[in-house]
């Protein structure tokens, strides 16, 4: 008997098992990510019915928001690694501390983001946007400010639960946020 054939026949079930495990973890995370990505799209679908000016203002406002949100998502990715390592190693005290510190730092990091959202009109005017569009986009951004703390809490909570392989809450929250 060929020794490679024996290795291949035992490797296939293990690979299928790993694939099922990977997909069981990845698919809900992918769905949550898609739903989170769709939130500004849903905004644009609703606002687009109001007119082209409103659509342009919402698109510009969403661009400002995403510019602020993406670095926070990057920080959450780093937190994801630290939470998963500590939980996987059974270091639950460390796991809890990473969750607390991560949430606190995310909330602190959201403060300058909220400030920039509040100053969006002035910033857009400073880079040469038309005054009426800058005013409307600024008003849109101002309305996003109260959502920043829940957004960063969602990011940290999602990472906290993912480390435990608890995935349904983040999918449900992202789904409800799109309604």
Foldseek 3Di string as FASTA:
>chain_A
DDPVVVVVVVVVVVVVVVVVVCCLLVVLVVLLVVLLVCLLVLVLVVQVVVDDLSSLLSVVLVVLLCVLVVVLLVLLVVLLVQLLVCVVVVVVVSNVVSLVVNLVVSVVSCVVSLVCLQCQLVVCVVVPDDNVSSVSSSVNSNVCSVVSSVVSVLSSVCSSVSSVVNRVVSSVVSVVSSD
